[in-house]
């Protein structure tokens, strides 16, 4: 649809817009529908034809609608300045410190564009920076950063178009497939850990309670209720950011059952009254090395501490525990597809059971 040679177009956000140039200045007109935008465009064009006055241009925003934006008088940002503004306004205080550090690390890949005004940055510039940012995983992080930064800039009318929406996103790298121990392998690992609890107790807590590594390292004596047999999770410890104890998300804050096997070994800490973390003397790297050695010495598949959590969730599935219950225990959002799609692994024994069911042999 056009009016006096001015075309009304549909915006990528779904609304409609048109632009009128007068005396070197541009008036941008927006409407929720094409008809609404047409009415505003007609009023602007007719008013310009009648008045031809600078006074109207100064008042047009109030005459038409707050949605009509003048291009001038907008803040001017370089990419570095906009990154700092975006980070401090939209991220600091809302995400964990580790995430802030990851954003800053990703932004370094745009070093050649740091002093470039964001209004001059093109899709080609961003694409080159992303393609030169290293391996696939980093490319995806840098791409996600560009998408977030420029979407906010576009929504705030700081740029006329979003250059991050016009290039092909990097291919997602296939992550190494996570593993879960079979019941037999789990029993072997447990038996070895019980031989030296001073070295391996934290590993058993992750395995038997399905805790994330940071959640396990953050446990304190007042998190255990031995009367109700419950365990509270409301902190997560990261050695790199010891003062940032926020959990991964709101679902991660939970109170879950303290299972009988866990209770037996946690009774060692029942008399502790100091508020310090009970595993403050354990380092993440040391625990991981001990787990790797245990697996190697006992012919078990090489697994990580986080894969002990995978094993816990897989056991829950094997035992027929309702998925909503499992999600509550491990701190996943209710109805999350992640619990089964990523964390649950089909063991050979489970598959054999279902084969027998299908063949009516059991």
Protein backbone atom coordinates (compact mmCIF):
# COMPACT_ATOMS: atom_id res chain seq x y z
CA UNK A 1 0.00 0.00 0.00
CA UNK A 2 1.32 3.47 -0.87
CA UNK A 3 0.32 7.10 -0.38
CA UNK A 4 1.87 9.89 -2.42
CA UNK A 5 4.69 7.58 -3.43
CA UNK A 6 5.48 6.55 0.16
CA UNK A 7 5.34 2.78 0.65
CA UNK A 8 4.00 1.11 3.77
CA UNK A 9 5.99 -2.00 4.66
CA UNK A 10 5.64 -4.74 7.19
CA UNK A 11 8.31 -4.75 9.87
CA UNK A 12 10.13 -7.92 10.98
CA UNK A 13 8.51 -7.46 14.40
CA UNK A 14 5.06 -7.71 12.81
CA UNK A 15 3.94 -4.08 12.85
CA UNK A 16 3.81 -1.71 9.85
CA UNK A 17 5.96 1.30 9.07
CA UNK A 18 6.63 4.03 6.51
CA UNK A 19 9.10 6.88 6.26
CA UNK A 20 8.71 10.46 5.06
CA UNK A 21 11.73 12.65 4.25
CA UNK A 22 11.30 16.42 4.52
CA UNK A 23 14.04 19.07 4.47
CA UNK A 24 16.72 16.45 5.07
CA UNK A 25 14.93 14.98 8.07
CA UNK A 26 13.21 11.61 8.30
CA UNK A 27 9.94 10.91 10.07
CA UNK A 28 9.35 7.22 10.87
CA UNK A 29 5.69 6.24 11.19
CA UNK A 30 4.53 3.01 12.86
CA UNK A 31 1.17 1.30 13.19
CA UNK A 32 -0.15 -1.96 14.58
CA UNK A 33 -2.04 -2.53 11.31
CA UNK A 34 -1.47 -1.48 7.72
CA UNK A 35 -4.63 0.68 7.83
CA UNK A 36 -3.51 2.46 11.00
CA UNK A 37 -0.12 3.18 9.46
CA UNK A 38 -1.84 4.43 6.26
CA UNK A 39 -3.96 6.91 8.23
CA UNK A 40 -0.94 8.32 10.01
CA UNK A 41 1.08 8.49 6.79
CA UNK A 42 -1.76 10.35 5.05
CA UNK A 43 -2.03 12.85 7.88
CA UNK A 44 1.72 13.49 7.86
CA UNK A 45 1.94 13.88 4.07
CA UNK A 46 -1.14 16.15 3.89
CA UNK A 47 0.13 18.28 6.74
CA UNK A 48 3.52 18.68 5.07
CA UNK A 49 1.87 19.62 1.77
CA UNK A 50 -0.29 22.23 3.48
CA UNK A 51 2.06 23.82 5.96
CA UNK A 52 5.55 23.23 4.58
CA UNK A 53 6.58 24.50 7.96
CA UNK A 54 9.47 23.61 10.25
CA UNK A 55 7.13 24.15 13.19
CA UNK A 56 5.06 21.10 12.22
CA UNK A 57 8.16 18.91 12.03
CA UNK A 58 9.02 19.84 15.60
CA UNK A 59 5.54 18.95 16.87
CA UNK A 60 4.63 16.03 14.59
CA UNK A 61 5.42 13.42 17.23
CA UNK A 62 2.84 14.91 19.59
CA UNK A 63 0.28 15.48 16.81
CA UNK A 64 0.33 11.95 15.46
CA UNK A 65 1.45 9.37 18.04
CA UNK A 66 4.34 8.63 20.39
CA UNK A 67 5.19 5.76 18.03
CA UNK A 68 6.34 8.23 15.34
CA UNK A 69 10.06 8.62 15.92
CA UNK A 70 12.45 11.27 14.67
CA UNK A 71 15.81 9.89 13.61
CA UNK A 72 17.76 12.73 15.17
CA UNK A 73 18.56 13.25 18.87
CA UNK A 74 19.20 9.56 19.52
CA UNK A 75 22.14 8.43 21.68
CA UNK A 76 25.22 7.60 19.64
CA UNK A 77 27.10 4.48 20.69
CA UNK A 78 30.22 2.73 19.54
CA UNK A 79 30.05 -1.06 19.79
CA UNK A 80 32.17 -0.99 22.96
CA UNK A 81 29.96 1.68 24.53
CA UNK A 82 26.79 -0.20 23.63
CA UNK A 83 28.15 -3.49 24.98
CA UNK A 84 28.93 -1.81 28.32
CA UNK A 85 25.48 -0.17 28.39
CA UNK A 86 23.70 -3.39 27.41
CA UNK A 87 25.64 -5.50 29.91
CA UNK A 88 25.12 -3.14 32.86
CA UNK A 89 21.45 -2.48 32.07
CA UNK A 90 20.18 -5.90 31.07
CA UNK A 91 22.57 -8.46 32.57
CA UNK A 92 24.46 -7.29 35.66
CA UNK A 93 22.47 -8.28 38.73
CA UNK A 94 20.21 -10.59 36.70
CA UNK A 95 22.60 -13.39 35.75
CA UNK A 96 25.46 -15.10 37.55
CA UNK A 97 28.92 -13.57 37.57
CA UNK A 98 30.22 -16.51 35.53
CA UNK A 99 27.77 -15.58 32.76
CA UNK A 100 28.99 -11.95 32.83
CA UNK A 101 32.57 -13.17 32.40
CA UNK A 102 31.47 -15.38 29.49
CA UNK A 103 29.84 -12.38 27.77
CA UNK A 104 33.03 -10.34 28.17
CA UNK A 105 35.12 -13.20 26.80
CA UNK A 106 32.85 -13.52 23.77
CA UNK A 107 32.88 -9.76 23.14
CA UNK A 108 36.67 -9.78 22.70
CA UNK A 109 36.08 -11.42 19.32
CA UNK A 110 34.64 -8.11 18.08
CA UNK A 111 37.87 -6.24 18.89
CA UNK A 112 38.17 -4.78 15.37
CA UNK A 113 34.70 -3.24 15.71
CA UNK A 114 34.96 -1.85 19.25
CA UNK A 115 35.26 1.79 18.10
CA UNK A 116 32.75 1.48 15.23
CA UNK A 117 29.37 3.23 15.70
CA UNK A 118 26.65 0.62 15.96
CA UNK A 119 24.67 2.45 13.25
CA UNK A 120 27.49 1.66 10.80
CA UNK A 121 27.89 -2.03 11.63
CA UNK A 122 26.67 -4.37 8.91
CA UNK A 123 25.77 -8.04 8.79
CA UNK A 124 28.98 -8.69 6.84
CA UNK A 125 31.11 -7.15 9.61
CA UNK A 126 29.43 -9.26 12.28
CA UNK A 127 29.61 -12.41 10.18
CA UNK A 128 33.36 -11.99 9.63
CA UNK A 129 33.98 -11.47 13.34
CA UNK A 130 31.93 -14.55 14.23
CA UNK A 131 33.61 -16.73 11.60
CA UNK A 132 37.03 -15.70 12.95
CA UNK A 133 36.14 -16.39 16.58
CA UNK A 134 37.62 -19.88 16.75
CA UNK A 135 35.99 -23.24 17.22
CA UNK A 136 32.28 -23.97 16.78
CA UNK A 137 31.36 -23.62 20.45
CA UNK A 138 32.84 -20.14 20.70
CA UNK A 139 31.25 -19.14 17.38
CA UNK A 140 27.84 -20.00 18.77
CA UNK A 141 28.46 -17.97 21.93
CA UNK A 142 29.68 -14.94 19.93
CA UNK A 143 26.69 -15.23 17.60
CA UNK A 144 24.28 -15.39 20.56
CA UNK A 145 25.90 -12.29 22.05
CA UNK A 146 25.49 -10.35 18.79
CA UNK A 147 21.86 -11.45 18.51
CA UNK A 148 21.04 -10.26 22.03
CA UNK A 149 22.91 -6.95 21.81
CA UNK A 150 21.48 -5.84 18.48
CA UNK A 151 17.94 -6.99 19.19
CA UNK A 152 17.86 -4.66 22.19
CA UNK A 153 19.49 -1.87 20.17
CA UNK A 154 16.89 -2.31 17.42
CA UNK A 155 13.98 -2.37 19.87
CA UNK A 156 15.27 0.88 21.36
CA UNK A 157 15.47 2.47 17.87
CA UNK A 158 19.23 2.91 18.21
CA UNK A 159 19.76 1.22 14.83
CA UNK A 160 17.49 1.33 11.78
CA UNK A 161 17.80 -2.43 11.17
CA UNK A 162 19.15 -5.41 13.05
CA UNK A 163 22.39 -6.53 11.32
CA UNK A 164 22.51 -9.69 13.44
CA UNK A 165 19.30 -11.04 11.88
CA UNK A 166 20.54 -11.19 8.30
CA UNK A 167 23.32 -13.77 8.26
CA UNK A 168 23.50 -17.54 8.58
CA UNK A 169 24.01 -18.69 12.12
CA UNK A 170 26.98 -20.99 12.77
CA UNK A 171 26.21 -24.68 12.84
CA UNK A 172 25.68 -26.09 16.28
CA UNK A 173 28.55 -28.32 17.35
CA UNK A 174 27.64 -31.86 18.30
CA UNK A 175 28.49 -32.18 21.97
CA UNK A 176 30.11 -35.31 23.28
CA UNK A 177 27.38 -37.67 24.30
CA UNK A 178 26.83 -37.81 28.05
CA UNK A 179 26.88 -41.17 29.76
CA UNK A 180 25.18 -42.85 32.68
CA UNK A 181 26.45 -45.85 34.59
CA UNK A 182 24.53 -49.10 34.51
CA UNK A 183 23.31 -50.44 37.84
CA UNK A 184 26.21 -52.91 37.95
CA UNK A 185 28.77 -50.20 37.18
CA UNK A 186 27.18 -47.92 39.77
CA UNK A 187 27.44 -50.65 42.42
CA UNK A 188 31.14 -51.07 41.63
CA UNK A 189 31.77 -47.34 41.95
CA UNK A 190 29.85 -47.15 45.25
CA UNK A 191 31.80 -50.04 46.73
CA UNK A 192 35.11 -48.36 45.90
CA UNK A 193 33.99 -44.98 47.27
CA UNK A 194 32.85 -46.50 50.56
CA UNK A 195 36.38 -47.81 51.14
CA UNK A 196 37.60 -44.25 51.70
CA UNK A 197 34.81 -41.79 52.49
CA UNK A 198 37.25 -39.00 53.31
CA UNK A 199 38.30 -38.95 49.66
CA UNK A 200 35.10 -39.92 47.87
CA UNK A 201 32.13 -38.82 50.00
CA UNK A 202 31.24 -35.80 47.77
CA UNK A 203 31.02 -38.10 44.76
CA UNK A 204 28.49 -40.32 46.51
CA UNK A 205 26.36 -37.28 47.43
CA UNK A 206 26.18 -36.29 43.75
CA UNK A 207 25.37 -39.86 42.74
CA UNK A 208 22.75 -40.59 45.40
CA UNK A 209 21.02 -37.18 45.43
CA UNK A 210 21.46 -36.12 41.79
CA UNK A 211 23.10 -32.84 42.80
CA UNK A 212 25.07 -30.59 40.50
CA UNK A 213 28.72 -30.24 41.47
CA UNK A 214 28.28 -26.63 42.61
CA UNK A 215 25.23 -27.55 44.70
CA UNK A 216 27.17 -30.32 46.44
CA UNK A 217 30.15 -28.03 47.17
CA UNK A 218 27.83 -25.40 48.69
CA UNK A 219 26.17 -27.70 51.25
CA UNK A 220 26.26 -26.53 54.88
CA UNK A 221 25.28 -28.34 58.12
CA UNK A 222 22.00 -26.41 58.40
CA UNK A 223 20.93 -27.74 54.99
CA UNK A 224 20.30 -31.17 56.52
CA UNK A 225 17.17 -31.98 58.51
CA UNK A 226 17.75 -35.41 60.03
CA UNK A 227 14.34 -35.41 61.73
CA UNK A 228 12.41 -34.94 58.48
CA UNK A 229 15.10 -36.61 56.35
CA UNK A 230 15.28 -33.70 53.92
CA UNK A 231 18.12 -31.89 52.19
CA UNK A 232 17.86 -28.22 51.19
CA UNK A 233 19.52 -26.83 48.07
CA UNK A 234 19.59 -23.05 47.78
CA UNK A 235 23.23 -22.24 46.95
CA UNK A 236 25.81 -23.21 44.34
CA UNK A 237 29.55 -22.77 44.82
CA UNK A 238 32.00 -21.90 42.05
CA UNK A 239 35.68 -21.69 42.98
CA UNK A 240 36.22 -18.95 40.41
CA UNK A 241 33.46 -16.79 41.92
CA UNK A 242 33.30 -17.73 45.62
CA UNK A 243 31.02 -14.82 46.54
CA UNK A 244 28.39 -15.67 43.92
CA UNK A 245 26.29 -18.40 45.52
CA UNK A 246 23.19 -18.14 43.34
CA UNK A 247 21.84 -21.39 42.00
CA UNK A 248 21.41 -22.01 38.27
CA UNK A 249 17.76 -20.93 38.22
CA UNK A 250 14.75 -20.58 40.52
CA UNK A 251 13.78 -24.26 40.06
CA UNK A 252 17.20 -25.22 41.45
CA UNK A 253 16.18 -23.89 44.89
CA UNK A 254 14.46 -26.89 46.39
CA UNK A 255 14.08 -29.21 49.35
CA UNK A 256 14.39 -32.86 48.43
CA UNK A 257 14.34 -36.16 50.34
CA UNK A 258 17.53 -37.22 52.06
CA UNK A 259 17.69 -40.82 50.91
CA UNK A 260 18.70 -43.50 53.40
CA UNK A 261 22.14 -44.16 51.89
CA UNK A 262 22.88 -40.44 51.95
CA UNK A 263 21.69 -40.11 55.55
CA UNK A 264 24.10 -42.81 56.69
CA UNK A 265 27.16 -40.93 55.52
CA UNK A 266 25.89 -37.41 56.29
CA UNK A 267 25.37 -38.36 59.95
CA UNK A 268 29.12 -37.76 60.21
CA UNK A 269 28.33 -34.04 59.96
CA UNK A 270 25.31 -33.94 62.28
CA UNK A 271 27.25 -32.48 65.20
CA UNK A 272 28.73 -29.64 63.16
CA UNK A 273 27.38 -26.22 64.06
CA UNK A 274 29.74 -23.91 62.16
CA UNK A 275 28.11 -22.32 59.10
CA UNK A 276 31.03 -23.14 56.80
CA UNK A 277 30.57 -25.40 53.79
CA UNK A 278 31.11 -29.02 54.80
CA UNK A 279 33.13 -29.72 51.64
CA UNK A 280 35.19 -26.52 51.75
CA UNK A 281 38.43 -28.52 51.69
CA UNK A 282 37.59 -30.24 48.41
CA UNK A 283 38.56 -28.79 45.04
CA UNK A 284 36.56 -29.51 41.92
CA UNK A 285 39.59 -30.54 39.85
CA UNK A 286 40.82 -32.88 42.60
CA UNK A 287 37.45 -34.61 42.86
CA UNK A 288 37.31 -35.04 39.11
CA UNK A 289 40.81 -36.57 39.05
CA UNK A 290 39.83 -39.00 41.80
CA UNK A 291 36.71 -40.02 39.89
CA UNK A 292 38.70 -40.59 36.71
CA UNK A 293 41.21 -42.76 38.55
CA UNK A 294 38.44 -44.79 40.17
CA UNK A 295 36.88 -45.44 36.78
CA UNK A 296 40.19 -46.39 35.17
CA UNK A 297 41.29 -48.70 38.00
CA UNK A 298 37.94 -50.54 38.05
CA UNK A 299 37.26 -50.87 34.33
CA UNK A 300 34.41 -48.35 34.38
CA UNK A 301 33.64 -45.95 31.53
CA UNK A 302 35.26 -42.54 31.89
CA UNK A 303 32.61 -40.21 33.35
CA UNK A 304 32.47 -36.72 34.81
CA UNK A 305 31.01 -35.59 38.13
CA UNK A 306 28.01 -34.17 36.27
CA UNK A 307 27.38 -37.60 34.73
CA UNK A 308 26.78 -38.92 38.25
CA UNK A 309 23.67 -36.69 38.09
CA UNK A 310 22.79 -38.32 34.75
CA UNK A 311 23.11 -41.69 36.46
CA UNK A 312 20.77 -40.64 39.30
CA UNK A 313 18.07 -39.48 36.88
CA UNK A 314 18.45 -42.65 34.81
CA UNK A 315 17.99 -44.77 37.99
CA UNK A 316 14.82 -42.80 38.76
CA UNK A 317 13.52 -43.63 35.30
CA UNK A 318 14.51 -47.30 35.65
CA UNK A 319 12.61 -47.52 38.93
CA UNK A 320 9.48 -46.04 37.38
CA UNK A 321 9.51 -42.84 39.44
CA UNK A 322 7.10 -40.27 38.01
CA UNK A 323 8.92 -37.74 35.85
CA UNK A 324 7.37 -34.77 37.69
CA UNK A 325 8.77 -36.12 40.96
CA UNK A 326 12.20 -36.56 39.44
CA UNK A 327 12.08 -33.01 38.07
CA UNK A 328 11.29 -31.67 41.54
CA UNK A 329 14.14 -33.63 43.09
CA UNK A 330 16.80 -32.49 40.62
CA UNK A 331 15.62 -28.90 40.18
CA UNK A 332 14.23 -28.99 36.64
CA UNK A 333 11.26 -26.90 35.60
CA UNK A 334 7.92 -28.70 35.78
CA UNK A 335 7.24 -30.33 32.42
CA UNK A 336 10.80 -29.75 31.19
CA UNK A 337 11.77 -31.94 28.24
CA UNK A 338 15.38 -31.87 29.45
CA UNK A 339 14.88 -34.48 32.17
CA UNK A 340 14.22 -37.34 29.76
CA UNK A 341 15.62 -35.98 26.51
CA UNK A 342 19.10 -35.23 27.88
CA UNK A 343 19.54 -36.78 31.31
CA UNK A 344 17.79 -40.13 30.97
CA UNK A 345 19.77 -42.90 29.30
CA UNK A 346 18.37 -46.23 28.14
CA UNK A 347 20.50 -48.97 29.64
CA UNK A 348 20.91 -52.38 28.03
CA UNK A 349 19.00 -54.04 30.88
CA UNK A 350 16.07 -51.63 30.50
CA UNK A 351 15.99 -52.17 26.76
CA UNK A 352 16.02 -55.95 27.21
CA UNK A 353 13.06 -55.67 29.61
CA UNK A 354 11.02 -53.75 27.06
CA UNK A 355 11.96 -56.20 24.29
CA UNK A 356 10.57 -59.00 26.43
CA UNK A 357 7.41 -56.97 27.08
CA UNK A 358 6.97 -56.36 23.36
CA UNK A 359 7.45 -60.05 22.60
CA UNK A 360 4.99 -60.98 25.37
CA UNK A 361 7.66 -63.01 27.12
CA UNK A 362 7.37 -61.15 30.38
